[in-house]
PDB file of all heavy atoms in Angstrom:
ATOM      1  N   GLY A   1     -26.774-105.823-138.600  1.00  0.00           N
ATOM      2  CA  GLY A   1     -26.363-106.110-137.214  1.00  0.00           C
ATOM      3  C   GLY A   1     -27.586-106.414-136.378  1.00  0.00           C
ATOM      4  O   GLY A   1     -28.722-106.103-136.725  1.00  0.00           O
ATOM      5  N   ILE A   2     -27.323-107.025-135.226  1.00  0.00           N
ATOM      6  CA  ILE A   2     -28.414-107.384-134.296  1.00  0.00           C
ATOM      7  C   ILE A   2     -27.871-107.358-132.856  1.00  0.00           C
ATOM      8  O   ILE A   2     -26.711-107.670-132.630  1.00  0.00           O
ATOM      9  CB  ILE A   2     -28.992-108.791-134.649  1.00  0.00           C
ATOM     10  CG1 ILE A   2     -30.270-109.045-133.891  1.00  0.00           C
ATOM     11  CG2 ILE A   2     -27.956-109.860-134.449  1.00  0.00           C
ATOM     12  CD1 ILE A   2     -31.008-110.303-134.373  1.00  0.00           C
ATOM     13  N   GLY A   3     -28.758-107.018-131.928  1.00  0.00           N
ATOM     14  CA  GLY A   3     -28.343-106.948-130.517  1.00  0.00           C
ATOM     15  C   GLY A   3     -28.397-108.308-129.847  1.00  0.00           C
ATOM     16  O   GLY A   3     -29.001-108.451-128.780  1.00  0.00           O
ATOM     17  N   ILE A   4     -27.797-109.317-130.414  1.00  0.00           N
ATOM     18  CA  ILE A   4     -27.710-110.658-129.860  1.00  0.00           C
ATOM     19  C   ILE A   4     -26.258-111.112-129.968  1.00  0.00           C
ATOM     20  O   ILE A   4     -25.671-111.044-131.057  1.00  0.00           O
ATOM     21  CB  ILE A   4     -28.589-111.669-130.621  1.00  0.00           C
ATOM     22  CG1 ILE A   4     -30.074-111.371-130.403  1.00  0.00           C
ATOM     23  CG2 ILE A   4     -28.281-113.087-130.211  1.00  0.00           C
ATOM     24  CD1 ILE A   4     -31.017-112.235-131.176  1.00  0.00           C
ATOM     25  N   ALA A   5     -25.683-111.548-128.845  1.00  0.00           N
ATOM     26  CA  ALA A   5     -24.322-112.040-128.881  1.00  0.00           C
ATOM     27  C   ALA A   5     -24.044-112.793-127.590  1.00  0.00           C
ATOM     28  O   ALA A   5     -24.954-113.436-127.054  1.00  0.00           O
ATOM     29  CB  ALA A   5     -23.341-110.872-129.076  1.00  0.00           C
ATOM     30  N   GLY A   6     -22.816-112.726-127.090  1.00  0.00           N
ATOM     31  CA  GLY A   6     -22.442-113.544-125.930  1.00  0.00           C
ATOM     32  C   GLY A   6     -23.247-113.326-124.708  1.00  0.00           C
ATOM     33  O   GLY A   6     -23.609-114.301-124.020  1.00  0.00           O
ATOM     34  N   ASP A   7     -23.638-112.074-124.391  1.00  0.00           N
ATOM     35  CA  ASP A   7     -24.422-111.824-123.241  1.00  0.00           C
ATOM     36  C   ASP A   7     -25.803-112.485-123.318  1.00  0.00           C
ATOM     37  O   ASP A   7     -26.349-112.952-122.326  1.00  0.00           O
ATOM     38  CB  ASP A   7     -24.637-110.287-123.009  1.00  0.00           C
ATOM     39  CG  ASP A   7     -23.371-109.624-122.557  1.00  0.00           C
ATOM     40  OD1 ASP A   7     -22.385-110.309-122.243  1.00  0.00           O
ATOM     41  OD2 ASP A   7     -23.359-108.361-122.483  1.00  0.00           O
ATOM     42  N   THR A   8     -26.357-112.567-124.528  1.00  0.00           N
ATOM     43  CA  THR A   8     -27.653-113.242-124.703  1.00  0.00           C
ATOM     44  C   THR A   8     -27.532-114.716-124.423  1.00  0.00           C
ATOM     45  O   THR A   8     -28.422-115.331-123.807  1.00  0.00           O
ATOM     46  CB  THR A   8     -28.165-113.023-126.139  1.00  0.00           C
ATOM     47  OG1 THR A   8     -28.241-111.632-126.432  1.00  0.00           O
ATOM     48  CG2 THR A   8     -29.548-113.643-126.339  1.00  0.00           C
ATOM     49  N   PHE A   9     -26.445-115.329-124.846  1.00  0.00           N
ATOM     50  CA  PHE A   9     -26.265-116.756-124.578  1.00  0.00           C
ATOM     51  C   PHE A   9     -26.062-116.987-123.074  1.00  0.00           C
ATOM     52  O   PHE A   9     -26.552-118.001-122.535  1.00  0.00           O
ATOM     53  CB  PHE A   9     -25.018-117.311-125.363  1.00  0.00           C
ATOM     54  CG  PHE A   9     -25.212-117.251-126.855  1.00  0.00           C
ATOM     55  CD1 PHE A   9     -24.135-117.502-127.688  1.00  0.00           C
ATOM     56  CD2 PHE A   9     -26.430-116.974-127.422  1.00  0.00           C
ATOM     57  CE1 PHE A   9     -24.303-117.484-129.060  1.00  0.00           C
ATOM     58  CE2 PHE A   9     -26.590-116.941-128.807  1.00  0.00           C
ATOM     59  CZ  PHE A   9     -25.505-117.186-129.641  1.00  0.00           C
ATOM     60  N   ASP A  10     -25.359-116.106-122.385  1.00  0.00           N
ATOM     61  CA  ASP A  10     -25.255-116.191-120.932  1.00  0.00           C
ATOM     62  C   ASP A  10     -26.639-116.108-120.292  1.00  0.00           C
ATOM     63  O   ASP A  10     -26.953-116.847-119.357  1.00  0.00           O
ATOM     64  CB  ASP A  10     -24.386-115.064-120.380  1.00  0.00           C
ATOM     65  CG  ASP A  10     -22.900-115.220-120.750  1.00  0.00           C
ATOM     66  OD1 ASP A  10     -22.524-116.325-121.182  1.00  0.00           O
ATOM     67  OD2 ASP A  10     -22.183-114.217-120.602  1.00  0.00           O
ATOM     68  N   TYR A  11     -27.457-115.204-120.838  1.00  0.00           N
ATOM     69  CA  TYR A  11     -28.822-115.032-120.305  1.00  0.00           C
ATOM     70  C   TYR A  11     -29.604-116.365-120.410  1.00  0.00           C
ATOM     71  O   TYR A  11     -30.314-116.739-119.474  1.00  0.00           O
ATOM     72  CB  TYR A  11     -29.512-113.964-121.141  1.00  0.00           C
ATOM     73  CG  TYR A  11     -31.041-113.904-120.973  1.00  0.00           C
ATOM     74  CD1 TYR A  11     -31.608-113.127-119.947  1.00  0.00           C
ATOM     75  CD2 TYR A  11     -31.890-114.602-121.785  1.00  0.00           C
ATOM     76  CE1 TYR A  11     -32.968-113.033-119.789  1.00  0.00           C
ATOM     77  CE2 TYR A  11     -33.270-114.557-121.635  1.00  0.00           C
ATOM     78  CZ  TYR A  11     -33.819-113.769-120.626  1.00  0.00           C
ATOM     79  OH  TYR A  11     -35.161-113.721-120.458  1.00  0.00           O
ATOM     80  N   ARG A  12     -29.450-117.086-121.491  1.00  0.00           N
ATOM     81  CA  ARG A  12     -30.171-118.342-121.675  1.00  0.00           C
ATOM     82  C   ARG A  12     -29.767-119.349-120.580  1.00  0.00           C
ATOM     83  O   ARG A  12     -30.605-120.110-120.086  1.00  0.00           O
ATOM     84  CB  ARG A  12     -29.926-118.941-123.058  1.00  0.00           C
ATOM     85  CG  ARG A  12     -30.369-118.027-124.201  1.00  0.00           C
ATOM     86  CD  ARG A  12     -31.831-117.686-124.157  1.00  0.00           C
ATOM     87  NE  ARG A  12     -32.203-116.848-125.306  1.00  0.00           N
ATOM     88  CZ  ARG A  12     -33.311-116.168-125.384  1.00  0.00           C
ATOM     89  NH1 ARG A  12     -34.189-116.206-124.400  1.00  0.00           N
ATOM     90  NH2 ARG A  12     -33.593-115.418-126.436  1.00  0.00           N
ATOM     91  N   ILE A  13     -28.489-119.397-120.244  1.00  0.00           N
ATOM     92  CA  ILE A  13     -28.045-120.336-119.227  1.00  0.00           C
ATOM     93  C   ILE A  13     -28.624-119.943-117.865  1.00  0.00           C
ATOM     94  O   ILE A  13     -29.159-120.779-117.139  1.00  0.00           O
ATOM     95  CB  ILE A  13     -26.509-120.392-119.140  1.00  0.00           C
ATOM     96  CG1 ILE A  13     -25.929-120.944-120.471  1.00  0.00           C
ATOM     97  CG2 ILE A  13     -26.046-121.242-117.975  1.00  0.00           C
ATOM     98  CD1 ILE A  13     -24.452-120.898-120.582  1.00  0.00           C
ATOM     99  N   VAL A  14     -28.520-118.669-117.490  1.00  0.00           N
ATOM    100  CA  VAL A  14     -29.066-118.205-116.223  1.00  0.00           C
ATOM    101  C   VAL A  14     -30.543-118.451-116.165  1.00  0.00           C
ATOM    102  O   VAL A  14     -31.094-118.950-115.161  1.00  0.00           O
ATOM    103  CB  VAL A  14     -28.742-116.736-116.002  1.00  0.00           C
ATOM    104  CG1 VAL A  14     -29.417-116.227-114.699  1.00  0.00           C
ATOM    105  CG2 VAL A  14     -27.229-116.494-115.916  1.00  0.00           C
ATOM    106  N   ASP A  15     -31.259-118.131-117.248  1.00  0.00           N
ATOM    107  CA  ASP A  15     -32.714-118.214-117.255  1.00  0.00           C
ATOM    108  C   ASP A  15     -33.203-119.650-117.140  1.00  0.00           C
ATOM    109  O   ASP A  15     -34.243-119.936-116.499  1.00  0.00           O
ATOM    110  CB  ASP A  15     -33.233-117.552-118.542  1.00  0.00           C
ATOM    111  CG  ASP A  15     -34.732-117.235-118.470  1.00  0.00           C
ATOM    112  OD1 ASP A  15     -35.125-116.637-117.459  1.00  0.00           O
ATOM    113  OD2 ASP A  15     -35.453-117.590-119.394  1.00  0.00           O
ATOM    114  N   ASN A  16     -32.478-120.594-117.728  1.00  0.00           N
ATOM    115  CA  ASN A  16     -32.911-121.977-117.736  1.00  0.00           C
ATOM    116  C   ASN A  16     -32.376-122.807-116.556  1.00  0.00           C
ATOM    117  O   ASN A  16     -33.002-123.812-116.192  1.00  0.00           O
ATOM    118  CB  ASN A  16     -32.512-122.658-119.049  1.00  0.00           C
ATOM    119  CG  ASN A  16     -33.418-122.237-120.212  1.00  0.00           C
ATOM    120  OD1 ASN A  16     -34.495-122.804-120.390  1.00  0.00           O
ATOM    121  ND2 ASN A  16     -32.959-121.266-120.973  1.00  0.00           N
ATOM    122  N   VAL A  17     -31.253-122.418-115.977  1.00  0.00           N
ATOM    123  CA  VAL A  17     -30.627-123.231-114.967  1.00  0.00           C
ATOM    124  C   VAL A  17     -30.689-122.572-113.593  1.00  0.00           C
ATOM    125  O   VAL A  17     -31.006-123.219-112.591  1.00  0.00           O
ATOM    126  CB  VAL A  17     -29.183-123.551-115.338  1.00  0.00           C
ATOM    127  CG1 VAL A  17     -28.514-124.424-114.233  1.00  0.00           C
ATOM    128  CG2 VAL A  17     -29.114-124.285-116.676  1.00  0.00           C
ATOM    129  N   VAL A  18     -30.389-121.278-113.506  1.00  0.00           N
ATOM    130  CA  VAL A  18     -30.269-120.605-112.226  1.00  0.00           C
ATOM    131  C   VAL A  18     -31.632-120.045-111.774  1.00  0.00           C
ATOM    132  O   VAL A  18     -32.055-120.260-110.617  1.00  0.00           O
ATOM    133  CB  VAL A  18     -29.206-119.479-112.286  1.00  0.00           C
ATOM    134  CG1 VAL A  18     -29.103-118.822-110.927  1.00  0.00           C
ATOM    135  CG2 VAL A  18     -27.858-120.065-112.725  1.00  0.00           C
ATOM    136  N   SER A  19     -32.288-119.295-112.620  1.00  0.00           N
ATOM    137  CA  SER A  19     -33.513-118.587-112.220  1.00  0.00           C
ATOM    138  C   SER A  19     -34.591-119.512-111.628  1.00  0.00           C
ATOM    139  O   SER A  19     -35.276-119.115-110.665  1.00  0.00           O
ATOM    140  CB  SER A  19     -34.060-117.769-113.376  1.00  0.00           C
ATOM    141  OG  SER A  19     -33.189-116.696-113.644  1.00  0.00           O
ATOM    142  N   PRO A  20     -34.860-120.702-112.200  1.00  0.00           N
ATOM    143  CA  PRO A  20     -35.863-121.581-111.600  1.00  0.00           C
ATOM    144  C   PRO A  20     -35.570-121.912-110.106  1.00  0.00           C
ATOM    145  O   PRO A  20     -36.494-122.129-109.327  1.00  0.00           O
ATOM    146  CB  PRO A  20     -35.816-122.830-112.452  1.00  0.00           C
ATOM    147  CG  PRO A  20     -35.356-122.342-113.774  1.00  0.00           C
ATOM    148  CD  PRO A  20     -34.355-121.288-113.484  1.00  0.00           C
ATOM    149  N   ARG A  21     -34.308-121.921-109.724  1.00  0.00           N
ATOM    150  CA  ARG A  21     -33.953-122.187-108.342  1.00  0.00           C
ATOM    151  C   ARG A  21     -34.089-120.946-107.458  1.00  0.00           C
ATOM    152  O   ARG A  21     -33.836-121.001-106.250  1.00  0.00           O
ATOM    153  CB  ARG A  21     -32.523-122.721-108.287  1.00  0.00           C
ATOM    154  CG  ARG A  21     -32.438-124.172-108.840  1.00  0.00           C
ATOM    155  CD  ARG A  21     -30.990-124.546-109.138  1.00  0.00           C
ATOM    156  NE  ARG A  21     -30.906-125.956-109.512  1.00  0.00           N
ATOM    157  CZ  ARG A  21     -31.203-126.421-110.719  1.00  0.00           C
ATOM    158  NH1 ARG A  21     -31.690-125.578-111.663  1.00  0.00           N
ATOM    159  NH2 ARG A  21     -31.122-127.722-110.999  1.00  0.00           N
ATOM    160  N   LEU A  22     -34.445-119.835-108.085  1.00  0.00           N
ATOM    161  CA  LEU A  22     -34.642-118.588-107.335  1.00  0.00           C
ATOM    162  C   LEU A  22     -36.103-118.153-107.411  1.00  0.00           C
ATOM    163  O   LEU A  22     -36.397-116.986-107.123  1.00  0.00           O
ATOM    164  CB  LEU A  22     -33.729-117.513-107.914  1.00  0.00           C
ATOM    165  CG  LEU A  22     -32.229-117.799-107.790  1.00  0.00           C
ATOM    166  CD1 LEU A  22     -31.403-116.753-108.569  1.00  0.00           C
ATOM    167  CD2 LEU A  22     -31.782-117.822-106.333  1.00  0.00           C
ATOM    168  N   GLY A  23     -36.978-119.066-107.807  1.00  0.00           N
ATOM    169  CA  GLY A  23     -38.396-118.768-107.791  1.00  0.00           C
ATOM    170  C   GLY A  23     -39.059-118.553-109.146  1.00  0.00           C
ATOM    171  O   GLY A  23     -40.288-118.393-109.195  1.00  0.00           O
ATOM    172  N   LYS A  24     -38.319-118.532-110.219  1.00  0.00           N
ATOM    173  CA  LYS A  24     -38.953-118.349-111.524  1.00  0.00           C
ATOM    174  C   LYS A  24     -39.913-119.494-111.831  1.00  0.00           C
ATOM    175  O   LYS A  24     -39.604-120.669-111.594  1.00  0.00           O
ATOM    176  CB  LYS A  24     -37.885-118.283-112.635  1.00  0.00           C
ATOM    177  CG  LYS A  24     -38.492-118.042-114.009  1.00  0.00           C
ATOM    178  CD  LYS A  24     -37.475-118.302-115.114  1.00  0.00           C
ATOM    179  CE  LYS A  24     -38.203-118.236-116.457  1.00  0.00           C
ATOM    180  NZ  LYS A  24     -37.351-118.709-117.552  1.00  0.00           N
ATOM    181  N   GLY A  25     -41.098-119.143-112.309  1.00  0.00           N
ATOM    182  CA  GLY A  25     -42.086-120.181-112.680  1.00  0.00           C
ATOM    183  C   GLY A  25     -42.939-120.676-111.502  1.00  0.00           C
ATOM    184  O   GLY A  25     -43.765-121.577-111.707  1.00  0.00           O
ATOM    185  N   THR A  26     -42.694-120.130-110.321  1.00  0.00           N
ATOM    186  CA  THR A  26     -43.483-120.556-109.146  1.00  0.00           C
ATOM    187  C   THR A  26     -44.571-119.507-108.873  1.00  0.00           C
ATOM    188  O   THR A  26     -44.751-118.561-109.638  1.00  0.00           O
ATOM    189  CB  THR A  26     -42.600-120.730-107.916  1.00  0.00           C
ATOM    190  OG1 THR A  26     -41.979-119.501-107.560  1.00  0.00           O
ATOM    191  CG2 THR A  26     -41.498-121.741-108.208  1.00  0.00           C
ATOM    192  N   THR A  27     -45.297-119.678-107.766  1.00  0.00           N
ATOM    193  CA  THR A  27     -46.440-118.806-107.465  1.00  0.00           C
ATOM    194  C   THR A  27     -46.342-118.218-106.060  1.00  0.00           C
ATOM    195  O   THR A  27     -45.538-118.649-105.243  1.00  0.00           O
ATOM    196  CB  THR A  27     -47.768-119.573-107.573  1.00  0.00           C
ATOM    197  OG1 THR A  27     -47.735-120.682-106.613  1.00  0.00           O
ATOM    198  CG2 THR A  27     -47.984-120.130-108.981  1.00  0.00           C
ATOM    199  N   TYR A  28     -47.160-117.189-105.838  1.00  0.00           N
ATOM    200  CA  TYR A  28     -47.362-116.627-104.493  1.00  0.00           C
ATOM    201  C   TYR A  28     -48.843-116.364-104.333  1.00  0.00           C
ATOM    202  O   TYR A  28     -49.621-116.400-105.296  1.00  0.00           O
ATOM    203  CB  TYR A  28     -46.478-115.420-104.284  1.00  0.00           C
ATOM    204  CG  TYR A  28     -46.918-114.127-104.997  1.00  0.00           C
ATOM    205  CD1 TYR A  28     -47.307-113.000-104.289  1.00  0.00           C
ATOM    206  CD2 TYR A  28     -46.917-114.064-106.418  1.00  0.00           C
ATOM    207  CE1 TYR A  28     -47.660-111.858-104.978  1.00  0.00           C
ATOM    208  CE2 TYR A  28     -47.258-112.905-107.080  1.00  0.00           C
ATOM    209  CZ  TYR A  28     -47.633-111.792-106.357  1.00  0.00           C
ATOM    210  OH  TYR A  28     -48.037-110.653-106.991  1.00  0.00           O
ATOM    211  N   ARG A  29     -49.277-116.078-103.051  1.00  0.00           N
ATOM    212  CA  ARG A  29     -50.742-115.992-102.786  1.00  0.00           C
ATOM    213  C   ARG A  29     -51.096-114.698-102.055  1.00  0.00           C
ATOM    214  O   ARG A  29     -51.399-114.683-100.875  1.00  0.00           O
ATOM    215  CB  ARG A  29     -51.179-117.174-101.974  1.00  0.00           C
ATOM    216  CG  ARG A  29     -50.912-118.525-102.587  1.00  0.00           C
ATOM    217  CD  ARG A  29     -51.671-119.630-101.879  1.00  0.00           C
ATOM    218  NE  ARG A  29     -53.095-119.539-102.207  1.00  0.00           N
ATOM    219  CZ  ARG A  29     -54.050-120.256-101.654  1.00  0.00           C
ATOM    220  NH1 ARG A  29     -53.737-121.137-100.690  1.00  0.00           N
ATOM    221  NH2 ARG A  29     -55.339-120.116-101.991  1.00  0.00           N
ATOM    222  N   PRO A  30     -51.128-113.600-102.774  1.00  0.00           N
ATOM    223  CA  PRO A  30     -51.616-112.362-102.143  1.00  0.00           C
ATOM    224  C   PRO A  30     -53.130-112.420-102.047  1.00  0.00           C
ATOM    225  O   PRO A  30     -53.830-112.649-103.034  1.00  0.00           O
ATOM    226  CB  PRO A  30     -51.134-111.258-103.108  1.00  0.00           C
ATOM    227  CG  PRO A  30     -51.104-111.921-104.448  1.00  0.00           C
ATOM    228  CD  PRO A  30     -50.725-113.371-104.168  1.00  0.00           C
ATOM    229  N   GLY A  31     -53.676-112.274-100.855  1.00  0.00           N
ATOM    230  CA  GLY A  31     -55.128-112.302-100.734  1.00  0.00           C
ATOM    231  C   GLY A  31     -55.746-113.654-100.967  1.00  0.00           C
ATOM    232  O   GLY A  31     -56.944-113.764-101.284  1.00  0.00           O
ATOM    233  N   GLY A  32     -54.945-114.719-100.881  1.00  0.00           N
ATOM    234  CA  GLY A  32     -55.494-116.091-101.043  1.00  0.00           C
ATOM    235  C   GLY A  32     -55.645-116.554-102.479  1.00  0.00           C
ATOM    236  O   GLY A  32     -56.160-117.628-102.716  1.00  0.00           O
ATOM    237  N   THR A  33     -55.182-115.778-103.431  1.00  0.00           N
ATOM    238  CA  THR A  33     -55.276-116.165-104.846  1.00  0.00           C
ATOM    239  C   THR A  33     -53.900-116.478-105.387  1.00  0.00           C
ATOM    240  O   THR A  33     -52.968-115.674-105.237  1.00  0.00           O
ATOM    241  CB  THR A  33     -55.918-115.042-105.701  1.00  0.00           C
ATOM    242  OG1 THR A  33     -57.214-114.744-105.190  1.00  0.00           O
ATOM    243  CG2 THR A  33     -56.045-115.462-107.151  1.00  0.00           C
ATOM    244  N   ASP A  34     -53.716-117.616-106.019  1.00  0.00           N
ATOM    245  CA  ASP A  34     -52.396-117.976-106.615  1.00  0.00           C
ATOM    246  C   ASP A  34     -52.105-117.080-107.841  1.00  0.00           C
ATOM    247  O   ASP A  34     -52.918-117.032-108.784  1.00  0.00           O
ATOM    248  CB  ASP A  34     -52.394-119.441-107.006  1.00  0.00           C
ATOM    249  CG  ASP A  34     -52.262-120.372-105.820  1.00  0.00           C
ATOM    250  OD1 ASP A  34     -51.817-119.911-104.761  1.00  0.00           O
ATOM    251  OD2 ASP A  34     -52.620-121.555-105.965  1.00  0.00           O
TER     252      ASP A  34
END
């Protein structure tokens, strides 16, 4: 058995389609450093 199933596939959709529109893969500048 393995802990991979339907929820993991849902995760892939959210991670690739939704999360980038919520800031994933972008930067911020605390103290002037990216």
